[in-house]
């Protein structure tokens, strides 16, 4: 893979499981959060240090496909300063070197800046295992990653010896079967091709699985598919230079996925017949406030149904529904600095 591809295709922070978590998974999440609190408690006197970016080594398992660059973040830091410190730990053998725990985009933005020469950082005392747990925990509250980002991160953790599939599933608060399925899809599609395509938000497990099976069945040349995906990014870069409307790199990754699908010739599912489909059960999950049942949330074929018990709080939600929805949507759109 060319250096240009590698620069464009860095993987960053997070892993989250789509759908509602079971009580057992929620317990695992609590354990993960405790790991983060322990990491923060290990910070040296909670002092923010100003470190040389070149003295920080990033050897972490990668967990995000990010087809964009850090120009906007660099400009924001140059204009307003670095508001959120990164977290590092001391290098075990080199006294003047540090290992990154989280904050990769902030670190890269400052490395690319001509105006900001120091990165603000907290320094924690962590071993390898605790550092990975802290990395995961710090990002569990950030935006959900796409299916393929989750799958590739699970493979990265296993490849780096973090644990077996059961242990990975536990720390990432997903099921073991979902980890197994994700690893199988990464194997079928190929990690290099996945990195070239990018996160492809909105492309779920069924379509990635169909692509992987089609590649296996047709014997498609993955190197050629990588070139096809890269060509989509090149055209998008040209469009941006010409001030055409291609502002969101995430959209480009979906186009890259579609281009690869077309090249492989993935067969579409047959159109449904007039025969009425058998009813599909839809699970509902209870919601609680202060330990008491407050309502339910249910996924249906047409969307999400949220029901609240009749109460003054429900009356308030009814009045503020649009504002609440706008706030949630803004949080969903927000891109993490990491």
Protein backbone atom coordinates (compact mmCIF):
# COMPACT_ATOMS: atom_id res chain seq x y z
CA UNK A 1 0.00 0.00 0.00
CA UNK A 2 1.31 3.43 -0.91
CA UNK A 3 2.22 5.98 1.73
CA UNK A 4 -0.60 8.17 0.43
CA UNK A 5 -3.09 5.43 1.11
CA UNK A 6 -1.70 4.89 4.58
CA UNK A 7 -1.94 8.58 5.44
CA UNK A 8 -5.49 8.74 4.19
CA UNK A 9 -6.58 5.54 5.81
CA UNK A 10 -5.61 5.88 9.48
CA UNK A 11 -7.91 4.14 11.93
CA UNK A 12 -8.96 6.02 15.03
CA UNK A 13 -10.98 5.68 18.24
CA UNK A 14 -14.15 3.75 19.31
CA UNK A 15 -16.08 0.58 19.22
CA UNK A 16 -19.76 0.27 20.01
CA UNK A 17 -22.34 -2.43 19.43
CA UNK A 18 -25.44 -1.50 17.47
CA UNK A 19 -28.70 -2.32 19.17
CA UNK A 20 -29.67 -2.59 22.81
CA UNK A 21 -27.30 -4.22 25.28
CA UNK A 22 -28.37 -7.03 27.55
CA UNK A 23 -27.94 -6.70 31.31
CA UNK A 24 -24.79 -8.83 31.06
CA UNK A 25 -23.34 -6.49 28.43
CA UNK A 26 -24.29 -3.46 30.50
CA UNK A 27 -22.31 -4.97 33.36
CA UNK A 28 -19.34 -5.32 31.04
CA UNK A 29 -19.71 -1.68 30.04
CA UNK A 30 -19.57 -0.69 33.73
CA UNK A 31 -16.38 -2.70 34.07
CA UNK A 32 -14.94 -0.90 31.06
CA UNK A 33 -15.87 2.47 32.55
CA UNK A 34 -14.11 1.50 35.76
CA UNK A 35 -11.01 0.85 33.69
CA UNK A 36 -11.19 4.39 32.36
CA UNK A 37 -11.63 5.86 35.83
CA UNK A 38 -8.63 3.85 37.00
CA UNK A 39 -6.61 5.25 34.10
CA UNK A 40 -7.54 8.78 34.99
CA UNK A 41 -6.73 8.15 38.63
CA UNK A 42 -3.26 7.09 37.50
CA UNK A 43 -2.57 10.46 35.91
CA UNK A 44 0.50 12.11 37.44
CA UNK A 45 -0.95 14.69 39.85
CA UNK A 46 -3.58 15.52 37.20
CA UNK A 47 -1.06 17.97 35.77
CA UNK A 48 -1.36 18.97 32.11
CA UNK A 49 2.05 18.78 30.48
CA UNK A 50 3.20 20.43 27.28
CA UNK A 51 5.11 17.80 25.33
CA UNK A 52 7.00 17.66 22.07
CA UNK A 53 4.70 15.84 19.59
CA UNK A 54 7.71 14.02 18.15
CA UNK A 55 8.37 12.45 21.56
CA UNK A 56 5.00 10.66 21.50
CA UNK A 57 4.79 7.21 19.91
CA UNK A 58 1.46 5.85 18.67
CA UNK A 59 1.60 2.06 18.81
CA UNK A 60 -2.01 1.43 19.84
CA UNK A 61 -4.41 -0.99 18.18
CA UNK A 62 -6.22 1.07 15.57
CA UNK A 63 -9.98 1.29 15.83
CA UNK A 64 -11.33 3.80 13.33
CA UNK A 65 -11.22 4.19 9.59
CA UNK A 66 -10.95 7.90 8.91
CA UNK A 67 -10.76 8.89 5.24
CA UNK A 68 -10.48 12.57 6.13
CA UNK A 69 -7.50 14.62 7.17
CA UNK A 70 -6.94 16.81 10.20
CA UNK A 71 -6.81 20.20 8.47
CA UNK A 72 -10.01 21.52 10.08
CA UNK A 73 -8.93 20.35 13.52
CA UNK A 74 -5.47 21.86 13.03
CA UNK A 75 -7.02 25.20 12.05
CA UNK A 76 -9.33 25.10 15.08
CA UNK A 77 -6.45 24.41 17.46
CA UNK A 78 -4.36 27.16 15.91
CA UNK A 79 -7.27 29.61 16.31
CA UNK A 80 -8.58 28.59 19.74
CA UNK A 81 -5.88 26.44 21.33
CA UNK A 82 -6.03 22.77 22.30
CA UNK A 83 -8.95 22.66 24.73
CA UNK A 84 -8.85 18.92 25.51
CA UNK A 85 -5.53 17.26 26.50
CA UNK A 86 -4.53 13.92 25.05
CA UNK A 87 -3.62 11.01 27.34
CA UNK A 88 -0.19 9.39 27.19
CA UNK A 89 1.82 6.99 29.34
CA UNK A 90 5.52 6.88 29.96
CA UNK A 91 7.66 4.75 27.65
CA UNK A 92 8.92 1.71 29.59
CA UNK A 93 12.55 2.09 28.43
CA UNK A 94 13.03 5.64 27.07
CA UNK A 95 12.73 8.36 29.69
CA UNK A 96 12.04 11.16 27.22
CA UNK A 97 9.42 9.27 25.20
CA UNK A 98 5.70 8.64 25.72
CA UNK A 99 3.12 6.18 24.33
CA UNK A 100 -0.24 7.51 23.16
CA UNK A 101 -3.34 6.17 24.93
CA UNK A 102 -5.91 8.33 23.15
CA UNK A 103 -6.05 11.63 21.25
CA UNK A 104 -4.60 10.59 17.89
CA UNK A 105 -6.28 13.29 15.78
CA UNK A 106 -5.31 16.05 18.18
CA UNK A 107 -1.72 14.81 18.11
CA UNK A 108 -1.67 14.60 14.30
CA UNK A 109 -3.24 18.05 13.96
CA UNK A 110 -0.50 19.62 16.07
CA UNK A 111 2.19 17.68 14.22
CA UNK A 112 0.89 19.30 11.01
CA UNK A 113 0.80 22.80 12.51
CA UNK A 114 3.40 25.49 11.89
CA UNK A 115 2.01 27.60 14.74
CA UNK A 116 1.49 25.14 17.59
CA UNK A 117 4.64 23.31 18.64
CA UNK A 118 3.58 21.60 21.88
CA UNK A 119 0.75 19.18 22.60
CA UNK A 120 -1.09 19.41 25.93
CA UNK A 121 -1.17 15.97 27.57
CA UNK A 122 -1.99 14.11 30.74
CA UNK A 123 0.55 11.46 31.70
CA UNK A 124 -0.73 8.21 33.26
CA UNK A 125 0.97 5.12 34.67
CA UNK A 126 -0.58 2.23 32.74
CA UNK A 127 0.50 -1.17 31.46
CA UNK A 128 -0.31 -2.33 27.92
CA UNK A 129 -3.57 -4.07 28.83
CA UNK A 130 -4.86 -1.16 30.91
CA UNK A 131 -3.94 1.31 28.17
CA UNK A 132 -6.04 -0.56 25.59
CA UNK A 133 -8.95 -0.77 28.05
CA UNK A 134 -8.67 2.98 28.66
CA UNK A 135 -8.61 3.65 24.93
CA UNK A 136 -11.79 1.65 24.44
CA UNK A 137 -13.53 3.10 27.49
CA UNK A 138 -12.71 6.71 26.58
CA UNK A 139 -14.42 6.27 23.25
CA UNK A 140 -17.46 4.19 24.20
CA UNK A 141 -19.41 7.42 24.69
CA UNK A 142 -18.39 8.84 21.33
CA UNK A 143 -20.30 8.41 18.06
CA UNK A 144 -21.05 4.88 16.94
CA UNK A 145 -18.66 3.50 14.39
CA UNK A 146 -19.82 1.77 11.25
CA UNK A 147 -20.11 -2.00 11.22
CA UNK A 148 -16.88 -2.48 9.32
CA UNK A 149 -14.89 -0.22 11.67
CA UNK A 150 -16.07 -2.35 14.58
CA UNK A 151 -15.16 -5.52 12.73
CA UNK A 152 -11.68 -4.33 11.81
CA UNK A 153 -10.97 -3.13 15.35
CA UNK A 154 -11.98 -6.51 16.79
CA UNK A 155 -9.50 -8.17 14.43
CA UNK A 156 -6.82 -5.63 15.39
CA UNK A 157 -7.28 -6.36 19.10
CA UNK A 158 -6.99 -10.11 18.60
CA UNK A 159 -3.98 -9.73 16.30
CA UNK A 160 -2.26 -7.62 18.96
CA UNK A 161 -2.79 -10.31 21.58
CA UNK A 162 -5.34 -8.41 23.63
CA UNK A 163 -7.35 -11.59 24.17
CA UNK A 164 -9.46 -14.29 22.56
CA UNK A 165 -12.87 -13.74 20.99
CA UNK A 166 -14.70 -14.17 24.28
CA UNK A 167 -12.47 -11.65 26.04
CA UNK A 168 -12.74 -9.17 23.16
CA UNK A 169 -16.52 -9.48 23.19
CA UNK A 170 -16.60 -8.81 26.92
CA UNK A 171 -14.45 -5.69 26.92
CA UNK A 172 -16.21 -4.30 23.85
CA UNK A 173 -19.67 -5.11 25.25
CA UNK A 174 -20.74 -7.16 22.25
CA UNK A 175 -21.63 -10.83 21.87
CA UNK A 176 -19.04 -13.47 20.98
CA UNK A 177 -21.09 -14.47 17.94
CA UNK A 178 -20.99 -10.90 16.61
CA UNK A 179 -17.20 -10.86 17.02
CA UNK A 180 -16.89 -14.20 15.18
CA UNK A 181 -19.10 -13.00 12.34
CA UNK A 182 -17.22 -9.70 12.07
CA UNK A 183 -13.86 -11.48 11.87
CA UNK A 184 -15.15 -13.78 9.14
CA UNK A 185 -16.29 -10.81 7.04
CA UNK A 186 -12.94 -9.03 7.45
CA UNK A 187 -11.24 -12.21 6.28
CA UNK A 188 -13.52 -12.52 3.22
CA UNK A 189 -13.28 -8.89 2.09
CA UNK A 190 -9.66 -8.30 3.06
CA UNK A 191 -8.33 -5.73 5.53
CA UNK A 192 -6.44 -3.67 2.92
CA UNK A 193 -9.53 -3.34 0.73
CA UNK A 194 -11.63 -2.38 3.76
CA UNK A 195 -9.15 0.33 4.73
CA UNK A 196 -9.20 1.69 1.19
CA UNK A 197 -13.00 1.80 1.10
CA UNK A 198 -13.27 3.49 4.49
CA UNK A 199 -15.99 3.47 7.17
CA UNK A 200 -19.00 3.45 4.80
CA UNK A 201 -21.54 4.52 7.41
CA UNK A 202 -24.96 3.13 6.67
CA UNK A 203 -23.54 -0.01 5.04
CA UNK A 204 -24.38 -2.79 7.47
CA UNK A 205 -23.33 -6.38 8.01
CA UNK A 206 -25.53 -7.98 5.29
CA UNK A 207 -24.04 -5.92 2.46
CA UNK A 208 -20.45 -6.34 3.66
CA UNK A 209 -21.07 -10.06 3.99
CA UNK A 210 -22.55 -10.20 0.48
CA UNK A 211 -19.48 -8.38 -0.87
CA UNK A 212 -17.14 -10.80 0.87
CA UNK A 213 -18.96 -13.84 -0.49
CA UNK A 214 -19.00 -12.38 -4.00
CA UNK A 215 -15.24 -11.75 -3.87
CA UNK A 216 -14.67 -15.36 -2.80
CA UNK A 217 -17.04 -16.78 -5.41
CA UNK A 218 -15.75 -14.71 -8.34
CA UNK A 219 -12.08 -14.74 -7.37
CA UNK A 220 -12.01 -10.97 -7.84
CA UNK A 221 -8.57 -9.36 -7.75
CA UNK A 222 -8.44 -7.39 -4.50
CA UNK A 223 -5.59 -5.20 -5.72
CA UNK A 224 -7.76 -4.11 -8.63
CA UNK A 225 -10.66 -3.45 -6.26
CA UNK A 226 -8.38 -1.33 -4.09
CA UNK A 227 -7.49 0.74 -7.16
CA UNK A 228 -11.20 1.18 -7.95
CA UNK A 229 -11.93 2.43 -4.42
CA UNK A 230 -8.89 4.72 -4.48
CA UNK A 231 -10.06 6.19 -7.79
CA UNK A 232 -13.30 7.28 -6.10
CA UNK A 233 -11.29 9.23 -3.50
CA UNK A 234 -9.11 10.77 -6.21
CA UNK A 235 -12.17 12.02 -8.09
CA UNK A 236 -13.59 13.39 -4.85
CA UNK A 237 -10.32 15.25 -4.17
CA UNK A 238 -10.43 16.76 -7.66
CA UNK A 239 -14.05 17.81 -7.09
CA UNK A 240 -13.10 19.58 -3.85
CA UNK A 241 -10.27 21.43 -5.59
CA UNK A 242 -12.82 22.63 -8.14
CA UNK A 243 -15.12 23.73 -5.28
CA UNK A 244 -17.72 21.19 -6.20
CA UNK A 245 -20.06 19.73 -3.58
CA UNK A 246 -18.09 16.89 -2.01
CA UNK A 247 -17.71 18.14 1.53
CA UNK A 248 -18.16 14.99 3.62
CA UNK A 249 -15.45 12.31 3.33
CA UNK A 250 -17.87 9.82 4.90
CA UNK A 251 -20.04 10.09 1.76
CA UNK A 252 -17.01 9.23 -0.35
CA UNK A 253 -16.46 5.97 1.50
CA UNK A 254 -20.03 4.90 0.68
CA UNK A 255 -19.39 5.72 -2.98
CA UNK A 256 -16.18 3.70 -2.83
CA UNK A 257 -18.09 0.75 -1.39
CA UNK A 258 -20.71 0.99 -4.13
CA UNK A 259 -18.02 1.17 -6.83
CA UNK A 260 -16.38 -2.00 -5.50
CA UNK A 261 -19.75 -3.76 -5.28
CA UNK A 262 -20.46 -2.87 -8.89
CA UNK A 263 -17.04 -4.08 -10.01
CA UNK A 264 -17.45 -7.42 -8.26
CA UNK A 265 -21.01 -7.84 -9.50
CA UNK A 266 -22.71 -8.51 -6.18
CA UNK A 267 -26.12 -9.97 -6.94
CA UNK A 268 -29.02 -8.05 -5.50
CA UNK A 269 -31.61 -9.87 -3.44
CA UNK A 270 -34.66 -10.93 -5.48
CA UNK A 271 -37.53 -8.49 -5.37
CA UNK A 272 -40.29 -9.47 -2.96
CA UNK A 273 -43.34 -11.18 -4.39
CA UNK A 274 -46.91 -10.18 -3.73
CA UNK A 275 -47.11 -12.89 -1.12
CA UNK A 276 -47.57 -11.36 2.30
CA UNK A 277 -44.41 -11.80 4.37
CA UNK A 278 -44.61 -13.63 7.63
CA UNK A 279 -44.77 -11.27 10.57
CA UNK A 280 -41.41 -10.51 12.16
CA UNK A 281 -41.36 -10.12 15.93
CA UNK A 282 -39.94 -6.83 17.16
CA UNK A 283 -38.30 -6.67 20.56
CA UNK A 284 -39.04 -3.90 22.99
CA UNK A 285 -36.73 -2.82 25.79
CA UNK A 286 -37.75 -1.23 29.09
CA UNK A 287 -36.61 2.25 30.05
CA UNK A 288 -36.19 3.29 33.67
CA UNK A 289 -35.63 6.46 35.68
CA UNK A 290 -34.35 6.36 39.26
CA UNK A 291 -34.85 2.60 39.34
CA UNK A 292 -38.50 2.75 38.22
CA UNK A 293 -40.00 1.81 34.90
CA UNK A 294 -40.47 4.92 32.76
CA UNK A 295 -41.44 3.48 29.39
CA UNK A 296 -40.21 1.33 26.50
CA UNK A 297 -38.27 1.67 23.26
CA UNK A 298 -39.10 -0.61 20.35
CA UNK A 299 -37.55 -1.14 16.93
CA UNK A 300 -40.19 -1.69 14.25
CA UNK A 301 -40.00 -2.19 10.49
CA UNK A 302 -40.63 1.51 10.01
CA UNK A 303 -38.39 2.95 12.70
CA UNK A 304 -38.06 3.43 16.46
CA UNK A 305 -41.07 3.76 18.76
CA UNK A 306 -40.50 5.43 22.13
CA UNK A 307 -43.24 5.18 24.76
CA UNK A 308 -43.16 6.98 28.12
CA UNK A 309 -45.40 6.34 31.09
CA UNK A 310 -47.93 9.11 31.63
CA UNK A 311 -46.26 11.54 34.03
CA UNK A 312 -45.22 15.18 34.39
CA UNK A 313 -41.92 14.19 32.81
CA UNK A 314 -43.75 12.77 29.79
CA UNK A 315 -45.69 16.03 29.52
CA UNK A 316 -42.41 17.95 29.46
CA UNK A 317 -40.91 15.63 26.84
CA UNK A 318 -43.98 16.19 24.66
CA UNK A 319 -43.50 19.95 24.82
CA UNK A 320 -39.72 19.79 24.31
CA UNK A 321 -39.70 16.90 21.81
CA UNK A 322 -38.36 18.87 18.85
CA UNK A 323 -35.61 20.52 20.89
CA UNK A 324 -34.61 17.16 22.42
CA UNK A 325 -34.52 15.59 18.96
CA UNK A 326 -32.39 18.44 17.61
CA UNK A 327 -29.94 18.06 20.52
CA UNK A 328 -29.66 14.29 20.01
CA UNK A 329 -29.17 14.73 16.28
CA UNK A 330 -26.43 17.29 16.86
CA UNK A 331 -24.65 14.88 19.21
CA UNK A 332 -24.94 12.11 16.62
CA UNK A 333 -23.45 14.34 13.92
CA UNK A 334 -20.64 15.59 16.11
CA UNK A 335 -17.30 14.23 15.09
CA UNK A 336 -14.99 13.29 17.91
CA UNK A 337 -11.60 14.92 18.08
CA UNK A 338 -10.30 11.38 18.26
